[in-house]
Every structure is written in structure tokens, then in C-alpha cells.
Amino acid sequence: MNPHLVLRVVSKLLIPIIVIFGFYVHFHGDYSPGGGFQAGVIIASAVILYALIFGMDAAREAVPAWFVRAGSAVGVLIYGGTGFLTWLLGGNFLSYDMLDPDSTHHAGQHLGILLVELGVLTTVFSVMVVIFYTFASRAPDIPEGEW
């Protein structure tokens, strides 16, 4: 019997809940404390937990290094692209009202905040996982019995 069976079963139950909670924090970030940064760290912690329980090879197979490297660039592009779009529409950089100028219900504000927070979430998640992958790959090889 695997000595880590309980950890594996519990983490398989917790990882989806951690990811769902991260998205909850993201989507409620403009109404309550939270947002893209906190959600990115929470979702990255699910990947880190997965790597700690199932190993780095399994984690890199589930969330490949190319994906998180690309995600760090895409997140910055989403954030900057939102600001650049508002600038092209005639407003200031990140002037969210330009995204829906005819709305009286601040729909442009909500859309702009959601896009910016999505960019922050993507960048923070990706950078946290890249940092973890980098540090984990530099770990010395210690035989299992010496822990």
C-alpha cells in the first residue's frame, strides 16, 4: 500500500475546490476584497500542491512549462491591451468608460476591471508557477530514505 494514499486522495478532493475558490475570488474582486492577484496566487497554490503530492513530472505534464511561460506574457498583453484599447477609443489609458460610452450603468467599468483583473490573474498565476518550477528544478537529489 502506498504510504501517501491519504494525502493523494485528500489532495485530489481539495485541488478542484482550491481552483474554484480562486475563480470565486477573481470574479468577486470588484465587489469585495480580492481580485486578480489573490486569485492568481490561490490557483498557483493548487498547482504547487499537485506537484508536492504527485511529483514534478506529473505537474509539468498537467501544466507544462511552455504554458506558464506563455501565460505570463499573455497576461501582460491582456492588461496592456485593455489600456491601449481605451486609448485608441479616445480616452486616457485604462479609462474604462470608453469601453461602453453609451451605458448609464457603468458597463464599461465592469468590463474594463474584469479584463484587467483577468490579465493580472494570468500573469500572477504563471509567474508563481514559473518560480516554483525553477526552484524545484534546482533541488539537490536526495534519496527517498534520507528525508
N, C-alpha and C. Protein backbone atom coordinates (compact mmCIF):
# COMPACT_ATOMS: atom_id res chain seq x y z
N MET A 1 0.85 -1.19 0.00
CA MET A 1 0.00 0.00 0.00
C MET A 1 0.89 1.24 0.00
N ASN A 2 0.47 2.23 -0.74
CA ASN A 2 1.21 3.48 -0.85
C ASN A 2 1.12 4.25 0.47
N PRO A 3 2.25 4.66 1.07
CA PRO A 3 2.18 5.37 2.35
C PRO A 3 1.57 6.76 2.23
N HIS A 4 1.45 7.27 1.02
CA HIS A 4 0.90 8.61 0.83
C HIS A 4 -0.51 8.57 0.25
N LEU A 5 -1.20 7.45 0.44
CA LEU A 5 -2.52 7.28 -0.14
C LEU A 5 -3.51 8.33 0.37
N VAL A 6 -3.51 8.59 1.65
CA VAL A 6 -4.44 9.57 2.22
C VAL A 6 -4.16 10.96 1.66
N LEU A 7 -2.87 11.34 1.57
CA LEU A 7 -2.54 12.65 1.01
C LEU A 7 -2.99 12.77 -0.44
N ARG A 8 -2.84 11.71 -1.19
CA ARG A 8 -3.24 11.74 -2.61
C ARG A 8 -4.75 11.88 -2.75
N VAL A 9 -5.49 11.15 -1.96
CA VAL A 9 -6.95 11.20 -2.04
C VAL A 9 -7.46 12.57 -1.59
N VAL A 10 -6.95 13.06 -0.48
CA VAL A 10 -7.40 14.35 0.04
C VAL A 10 -7.03 15.48 -0.92
N SER A 11 -5.84 15.43 -1.49
CA SER A 11 -5.45 16.49 -2.41
C SER A 11 -6.26 16.43 -3.71
N LYS A 12 -6.63 15.24 -4.16
CA LYS A 12 -7.49 15.15 -5.34
C LYS A 12 -8.86 15.77 -5.07
N LEU A 13 -9.29 15.73 -3.84
CA LEU A 13 -10.56 16.39 -3.48
C LEU A 13 -10.38 17.89 -3.29
N LEU A 14 -9.24 18.31 -2.75
CA LEU A 14 -9.04 19.72 -2.44
C LEU A 14 -8.63 20.58 -3.63
N ILE A 15 -7.87 20.04 -4.56
CA ILE A 15 -7.35 20.85 -5.66
C ILE A 15 -8.47 21.48 -6.49
N PRO A 16 -9.52 20.76 -6.88
CA PRO A 16 -10.61 21.44 -7.61
C PRO A 16 -11.30 22.52 -6.78
N ILE A 17 -11.43 22.29 -5.48
CA ILE A 17 -12.06 23.29 -4.61
C ILE A 17 -11.18 24.53 -4.52
N ILE A 18 -9.87 24.35 -4.44
CA ILE A 18 -8.94 25.49 -4.39
C ILE A 18 -9.05 26.31 -5.68
N VAL A 19 -9.12 25.64 -6.82
CA VAL A 19 -9.22 26.35 -8.09
C VAL A 19 -10.55 27.11 -8.19
N ILE A 20 -11.64 26.47 -7.79
CA ILE A 20 -12.95 27.13 -7.81
C ILE A 20 -12.95 28.33 -6.87
N PHE A 21 -12.36 28.20 -5.70
CA PHE A 21 -12.27 29.33 -4.78
C PHE A 21 -11.44 30.46 -5.39
N GLY A 22 -10.38 30.11 -6.10
CA GLY A 22 -9.57 31.14 -6.76
C GLY A 22 -10.39 31.92 -7.78
N PHE A 23 -11.19 31.22 -8.57
CA PHE A 23 -12.03 31.93 -9.54
C PHE A 23 -13.13 32.73 -8.84
N TYR A 24 -13.63 32.23 -7.70
CA TYR A 24 -14.60 33.00 -6.92
C TYR A 24 -13.98 34.32 -6.45
N VAL A 25 -12.77 34.26 -5.95
CA VAL A 25 -12.08 35.46 -5.50
C VAL A 25 -11.88 36.42 -6.68
N HIS A 26 -11.55 35.86 -7.84
CA HIS A 26 -11.35 36.71 -9.03
C HIS A 26 -12.64 37.43 -9.43
N PHE A 27 -13.72 36.69 -9.59
CA PHE A 27 -14.95 37.28 -10.11
C PHE A 27 -15.67 38.16 -9.10
N HIS A 28 -15.35 38.04 -7.83
CA HIS A 28 -15.94 38.92 -6.83
C HIS A 28 -14.97 40.00 -6.37
N GLY A 29 -13.86 40.13 -7.07
CA GLY A 29 -12.83 41.09 -6.68
C GLY A 29 -13.24 42.54 -6.84
N ASP A 30 -14.20 42.83 -7.72
CA ASP A 30 -14.61 44.22 -7.86
C ASP A 30 -15.75 44.58 -6.91
N TYR A 31 -16.31 43.59 -6.19
CA TYR A 31 -17.36 43.85 -5.21
C TYR A 31 -16.88 43.67 -3.77
N SER A 32 -15.82 42.95 -3.58
CA SER A 32 -15.33 42.64 -2.24
C SER A 32 -13.81 42.51 -2.30
N PRO A 33 -13.15 42.34 -1.16
CA PRO A 33 -11.69 42.18 -1.20
C PRO A 33 -11.30 40.99 -2.05
N GLY A 34 -10.28 41.17 -2.81
CA GLY A 34 -9.80 40.10 -3.69
C GLY A 34 -9.57 40.65 -5.07
N GLY A 35 -9.36 39.78 -5.99
CA GLY A 35 -9.14 40.19 -7.36
C GLY A 35 -8.13 39.30 -8.03
N GLY A 36 -7.52 39.81 -9.07
CA GLY A 36 -6.63 39.03 -9.90
C GLY A 36 -5.39 38.53 -9.19
N PHE A 37 -4.76 39.38 -8.39
CA PHE A 37 -3.53 38.97 -7.73
C PHE A 37 -3.79 37.83 -6.76
N GLN A 38 -4.78 38.01 -5.90
CA GLN A 38 -5.08 36.96 -4.92
C GLN A 38 -5.53 35.68 -5.60
N ALA A 39 -6.35 35.80 -6.63
CA ALA A 39 -6.82 34.61 -7.34
C ALA A 39 -5.68 33.89 -8.03
N GLY A 40 -4.75 34.64 -8.61
CA GLY A 40 -3.60 34.01 -9.26
C GLY A 40 -2.76 33.21 -8.28
N VAL A 41 -2.55 33.75 -7.10
CA VAL A 41 -1.76 33.04 -6.09
C VAL A 41 -2.51 31.81 -5.59
N ILE A 42 -3.82 31.92 -5.41
CA ILE A 42 -4.60 30.78 -4.93
C ILE A 42 -4.58 29.64 -5.95
N ILE A 43 -4.78 29.97 -7.22
CA ILE A 43 -4.80 28.93 -8.25
C ILE A 43 -3.40 28.33 -8.44
N ALA A 44 -2.37 29.15 -8.34
CA ALA A 44 -1.00 28.63 -8.42
C ALA A 44 -0.71 27.70 -7.25
N SER A 45 -1.28 27.98 -6.08
CA SER A 45 -1.06 27.10 -4.94
C SER A 45 -1.65 25.72 -5.19
N ALA A 46 -2.72 25.63 -5.99
CA ALA A 46 -3.27 24.32 -6.34
C ALA A 46 -2.29 23.53 -7.19
N VAL A 47 -1.61 24.20 -8.12
CA VAL A 47 -0.61 23.53 -8.96
C VAL A 47 0.58 23.10 -8.10
N ILE A 48 0.99 23.96 -7.17
CA ILE A 48 2.11 23.64 -6.30
C ILE A 48 1.77 22.46 -5.39
N LEU A 49 0.56 22.43 -4.86
CA LEU A 49 0.12 21.28 -4.05
C LEU A 49 0.15 20.00 -4.89
N TYR A 50 -0.32 20.10 -6.12
CA TYR A 50 -0.31 18.94 -7.01
C TYR A 50 1.12 18.44 -7.23
N ALA A 51 2.04 19.38 -7.43
CA ALA A 51 3.45 19.00 -7.64
C ALA A 51 4.04 18.37 -6.39
N LEU A 52 3.71 18.88 -5.23
CA LEU A 52 4.25 18.34 -3.98
C LEU A 52 3.74 16.93 -3.70
N ILE A 53 2.50 16.66 -4.06
CA ILE A 53 1.91 15.35 -3.77
C ILE A 53 2.23 14.33 -4.85
N PHE A 54 2.11 14.72 -6.12
CA PHE A 54 2.23 13.76 -7.22
C PHE A 54 3.57 13.83 -7.94
N GLY A 55 4.40 14.80 -7.61
CA GLY A 55 5.72 14.90 -8.22
C GLY A 55 5.78 15.96 -9.32
N MET A 56 7.00 16.39 -9.57
CA MET A 56 7.22 17.46 -10.55
C MET A 56 6.90 17.00 -11.97
N ASP A 57 7.20 15.76 -12.28
CA ASP A 57 6.92 15.27 -13.64
C ASP A 57 5.42 15.31 -13.93
N ALA A 58 4.61 14.90 -12.97
CA ALA A 58 3.16 14.93 -13.15
C ALA A 58 2.65 16.36 -13.25
N ALA A 59 3.23 17.25 -12.46
CA ALA A 59 2.80 18.65 -12.50
C ALA A 59 3.17 19.29 -13.83
N ARG A 60 4.37 18.99 -14.31
CA ARG A 60 4.78 19.56 -15.60
C ARG A 60 3.99 18.97 -16.76
N GLU A 61 3.46 17.78 -16.57
CA GLU A 61 2.60 17.20 -17.60
C GLU A 61 1.22 17.85 -17.56
N ALA A 62 0.72 18.12 -16.35
CA ALA A 62 -0.60 18.75 -16.22
C ALA A 62 -0.57 20.22 -16.62
N VAL A 63 0.46 20.94 -16.18
CA VAL A 63 0.62 22.36 -16.50
C VAL A 63 2.03 22.52 -17.06
N PRO A 64 2.17 22.42 -18.38
CA PRO A 64 3.50 22.45 -18.98
C PRO A 64 4.20 23.80 -18.79
N ALA A 65 5.51 23.75 -18.80
CA ALA A 65 6.31 24.97 -18.62
C ALA A 65 6.06 25.97 -19.74
N TRP A 66 5.87 25.50 -20.98
CA TRP A 66 5.60 26.43 -22.08
C TRP A 66 4.30 27.17 -21.85
N PHE A 67 3.32 26.52 -21.22
CA PHE A 67 2.03 27.14 -20.96
C PHE A 67 2.15 28.29 -19.97
N VAL A 68 2.91 28.07 -18.89
CA VAL A 68 3.03 29.14 -17.89
C VAL A 68 3.94 30.27 -18.38
N ARG A 69 4.94 29.93 -19.20
CA ARG A 69 5.77 31.00 -19.78
C ARG A 69 4.94 31.86 -20.73
N ALA A 70 4.12 31.21 -21.55
CA ALA A 70 3.25 31.96 -22.46
C ALA A 70 2.19 32.75 -21.67
N GLY A 71 1.69 32.15 -20.59
CA GLY A 71 0.68 32.82 -19.78
C GLY A 71 1.18 34.10 -19.14
N SER A 72 2.45 34.11 -18.77
CA SER A 72 2.98 35.34 -18.16
C SER A 72 3.01 36.48 -19.18
N ALA A 73 3.28 36.18 -20.43
CA ALA A 73 3.27 37.21 -21.46
C ALA A 73 1.84 37.58 -21.87
N VAL A 74 0.97 36.60 -21.98
CA VAL A 74 -0.41 36.86 -22.39
C VAL A 74 -1.13 37.72 -21.35
N GLY A 75 -0.87 37.48 -20.08
CA GLY A 75 -1.49 38.28 -19.03
C GLY A 75 -1.11 39.75 -19.12
N VAL A 76 0.15 40.00 -19.38
CA VAL A 76 0.59 41.39 -19.53
C VAL A 76 -0.05 42.01 -20.77
N LEU A 77 -0.17 41.22 -21.84
CA LEU A 77 -0.82 41.73 -23.06
C LEU A 77 -2.30 42.03 -22.83
N ILE A 78 -2.99 41.22 -22.06
CA ILE A 78 -4.40 41.49 -21.76
C ILE A 78 -4.51 42.79 -20.98
N TYR A 79 -3.68 42.95 -19.96
CA TYR A 79 -3.71 44.16 -19.15
C TYR A 79 -3.38 45.39 -20.00
N GLY A 80 -2.25 45.33 -20.68
CA GLY A 80 -1.83 46.46 -21.50
C GLY A 80 -2.75 46.70 -22.69
N GLY A 81 -3.27 45.61 -23.27
CA GLY A 81 -4.19 45.73 -24.40
C GLY A 81 -5.48 46.42 -24.02
N THR A 82 -5.96 46.18 -22.80
CA THR A 82 -7.16 46.87 -22.34
C THR A 82 -6.91 48.37 -22.25
N GLY A 83 -5.78 48.74 -21.69
CA GLY A 83 -5.44 50.16 -21.61
C GLY A 83 -5.22 50.78 -22.98
N PHE A 84 -4.56 50.05 -23.86
CA PHE A 84 -4.30 50.55 -25.20
C PHE A 84 -5.61 50.71 -25.98
N LEU A 85 -6.56 49.78 -25.78
CA LEU A 85 -7.85 49.88 -26.45
C LEU A 85 -8.61 51.13 -26.00
N THR A 86 -8.59 51.41 -24.71
CA THR A 86 -9.28 52.62 -24.23
C THR A 86 -8.60 53.88 -24.77
N TRP A 87 -7.31 53.81 -24.95
CA TRP A 87 -6.57 54.93 -25.52
C TRP A 87 -6.95 55.13 -26.98
N LEU A 88 -7.05 54.01 -27.74
CA LEU A 88 -7.44 54.10 -29.14
C LEU A 88 -8.87 54.61 -29.31
N LEU A 89 -9.72 54.33 -28.33
CA LEU A 89 -11.11 54.78 -28.40
C LEU A 89 -11.27 56.24 -28.00
N GLY A 90 -10.17 56.91 -27.69
CA GLY A 90 -10.21 58.34 -27.41
C GLY A 90 -10.13 58.74 -25.96
N GLY A 91 -9.99 57.79 -25.08
CA GLY A 91 -9.89 58.11 -23.66
C GLY A 91 -8.45 58.04 -23.19
N ASN A 92 -8.29 58.19 -21.89
CA ASN A 92 -6.97 58.01 -21.29
C ASN A 92 -6.67 56.52 -21.16
N PHE A 93 -5.41 56.22 -20.87
CA PHE A 93 -5.01 54.82 -20.66
C PHE A 93 -5.79 54.26 -19.49
N LEU A 94 -6.47 53.13 -19.70
CA LEU A 94 -7.32 52.45 -18.71
C LEU A 94 -8.51 53.30 -18.27
N SER A 95 -9.02 54.14 -19.15
CA SER A 95 -10.26 54.87 -18.90
C SER A 95 -11.41 53.95 -19.33
N TYR A 96 -11.90 53.16 -18.40
CA TYR A 96 -12.83 52.08 -18.70
C TYR A 96 -14.15 52.55 -19.31
N ASP A 97 -14.56 53.78 -19.04
CA ASP A 97 -15.82 54.27 -19.59
C ASP A 97 -15.81 54.27 -21.12
N MET A 98 -14.65 54.30 -21.73
CA MET A 98 -14.57 54.31 -23.18
C MET A 98 -14.97 52.95 -23.77
N LEU A 99 -14.97 51.90 -22.98
CA LEU A 99 -15.34 50.58 -23.49
C LEU A 99 -16.83 50.47 -23.78
N ASP A 100 -17.64 51.27 -23.12
CA ASP A 100 -19.08 51.33 -23.38
C ASP A 100 -19.56 52.74 -23.05
N PRO A 101 -19.29 53.71 -23.95
CA PRO A 101 -19.58 55.10 -23.62
C PRO A 101 -21.07 55.43 -23.54
N ASP A 102 -21.94 54.63 -24.14
CA ASP A 102 -23.38 54.93 -24.14
C ASP A 102 -24.10 54.37 -22.92
N SER A 103 -23.42 53.57 -22.13
CA SER A 103 -24.07 52.92 -20.99
C SER A 103 -24.18 53.87 -19.81
N THR A 104 -25.34 53.84 -19.17
CA THR A 104 -25.53 54.62 -17.94
C THR A 104 -25.33 53.75 -16.70
N HIS A 105 -25.09 52.47 -16.91
CA HIS A 105 -24.94 51.54 -15.78
C HIS A 105 -23.49 51.15 -15.54
N HIS A 106 -22.57 51.89 -16.06
CA HIS A 106 -21.14 51.65 -15.88
C HIS A 106 -20.71 50.27 -16.37
N ALA A 107 -21.29 49.82 -17.48
CA ALA A 107 -20.93 48.52 -18.04
C ALA A 107 -19.47 48.52 -18.50
N GLY A 108 -18.99 49.64 -19.01
CA GLY A 108 -17.60 49.74 -19.42
C GLY A 108 -16.65 49.58 -18.25
N GLN A 109 -17.04 50.14 -17.10
CA GLN A 109 -16.21 50.00 -15.90
C GLN A 109 -16.08 48.53 -15.51
N HIS A 110 -17.19 47.82 -15.49
CA HIS A 110 -17.15 46.40 -15.11
C HIS A 110 -16.35 45.57 -16.10
N LEU A 111 -16.54 45.84 -17.39
CA LEU A 111 -15.80 45.10 -18.41
C LEU A 111 -14.30 45.39 -18.30
N GLY A 112 -13.96 46.65 -18.14
CA GLY A 112 -12.55 47.02 -18.03
C GLY A 112 -11.88 46.41 -16.82
N ILE A 113 -12.55 46.48 -15.68
CA ILE A 113 -11.98 45.91 -14.45
C ILE A 113 -11.84 44.40 -14.60
N LEU A 114 -12.84 43.75 -15.19
CA LEU A 114 -12.78 42.30 -15.38
C LEU A 114 -11.60 41.92 -16.28
N LEU A 115 -11.40 42.66 -17.37
CA LEU A 115 -10.29 42.37 -18.28
C LEU A 115 -8.93 42.60 -17.62
N VAL A 116 -8.80 43.70 -16.91
CA VAL A 116 -7.53 43.99 -16.24
C VAL A 116 -7.25 42.94 -15.17
N GLU A 117 -8.25 42.58 -14.40
CA GLU A 117 -8.05 41.56 -13.36
C GLU A 117 -7.77 40.19 -13.97
N LEU A 118 -8.34 39.90 -15.14
CA LEU A 118 -8.02 38.65 -15.83
C LEU A 118 -6.55 38.64 -16.26
N GLY A 119 -6.06 39.77 -16.74
CA GLY A 119 -4.64 39.87 -17.10
C GLY A 119 -3.74 39.70 -15.89
N VAL A 120 -4.13 40.31 -14.78
CA VAL A 120 -3.33 40.17 -13.55
C VAL A 120 -3.37 38.73 -13.06
N LEU A 121 -4.54 38.10 -13.07
CA LEU A 121 -4.65 36.70 -12.65
C LEU A 121 -3.74 35.81 -13.50
N THR A 122 -3.80 35.98 -14.81
CA THR A 122 -3.00 35.15 -15.70
C THR A 122 -1.51 35.34 -15.46
N THR A 123 -1.09 36.58 -15.29
CA THR A 123 0.32 36.87 -15.07
C THR A 123 0.80 36.34 -13.73
N VAL A 124 0.05 36.61 -12.67
CA VAL A 124 0.47 36.18 -11.33
C VAL A 124 0.49 34.66 -11.24
N PHE A 125 -0.55 33.99 -11.75
CA PHE A 125 -0.56 32.52 -11.74
C PHE A 125 0.67 31.99 -12.46
N SER A 126 0.92 32.50 -13.65
CA SER A 126 2.02 31.99 -14.46
C SER A 126 3.37 32.24 -13.82
N VAL A 127 3.57 33.42 -13.30
CA VAL A 127 4.86 33.75 -12.69
C VAL A 127 5.09 32.93 -11.42
N MET A 128 4.06 32.74 -10.62
CA MET A 128 4.21 31.92 -9.41
C MET A 128 4.60 30.49 -9.77
N VAL A 129 3.96 29.92 -10.78
CA VAL A 129 4.28 28.55 -11.18
C VAL A 129 5.67 28.48 -11.81
N VAL A 130 6.04 29.48 -12.61
CA VAL A 130 7.40 29.51 -13.18
C VAL A 130 8.44 29.57 -12.07
N ILE A 131 8.21 30.41 -11.07
CA ILE A 131 9.16 30.50 -9.95
C ILE A 131 9.26 29.15 -9.23
N PHE A 132 8.11 28.51 -8.99
CA PHE A 132 8.14 27.21 -8.33
C PHE A 132 8.87 26.18 -9.17
N TYR A 133 8.56 26.11 -10.46
CA TYR A 133 9.24 25.16 -11.34
C TYR A 133 10.75 25.41 -11.35
N THR A 134 11.14 26.67 -11.38
CA THR A 134 12.57 27.00 -11.41
C THR A 134 13.27 26.55 -10.13
N PHE A 135 12.69 26.87 -8.99
CA PHE A 135 13.31 26.47 -7.73
C PHE A 135 13.27 24.95 -7.54
N ALA A 136 12.19 24.32 -7.96
CA ALA A 136 12.08 22.87 -7.80
C ALA A 136 13.08 22.12 -8.69
N SER A 137 13.40 22.68 -9.83
CA SER A 137 14.35 22.00 -10.71
C SER A 137 15.78 22.15 -10.22
N ARG A 138 16.03 23.06 -9.29
CA ARG A 138 17.37 23.27 -8.76
C ARG A 138 17.60 22.50 -7.46
N ALA A 139 16.62 21.73 -7.02
CA ALA A 139 16.74 20.99 -5.77
C ALA A 139 17.78 19.89 -5.91
N PRO A 140 18.58 19.66 -4.87
CA PRO A 140 19.57 18.57 -4.93
C PRO A 140 18.86 17.23 -4.90
N ASP A 141 19.52 16.25 -5.48
CA ASP A 141 18.95 14.89 -5.48
C ASP A 141 19.24 14.23 -4.13
N ILE A 142 18.20 14.07 -3.34
CA ILE A 142 18.31 13.43 -2.04
C ILE A 142 17.51 12.12 -2.12
N PRO A 143 18.14 11.00 -1.80
CA PRO A 143 17.42 9.73 -1.85
C PRO A 143 16.20 9.75 -0.92
N GLU A 144 15.18 8.98 -1.29
CA GLU A 144 13.92 8.96 -0.55
C GLU A 144 14.10 8.67 0.94
N GLY A 145 14.95 7.74 1.28
CA GLY A 145 15.08 7.33 2.67
C GLY A 145 15.77 8.33 3.58
N GLU A 146 16.37 9.38 3.03
CA GLU A 146 17.11 10.33 3.84
C GLU A 146 16.28 11.52 4.29
N TRP A 147 15.01 11.57 3.95
CA TRP A 147 14.17 12.68 4.42
C TRP A 147 13.83 12.40 5.83
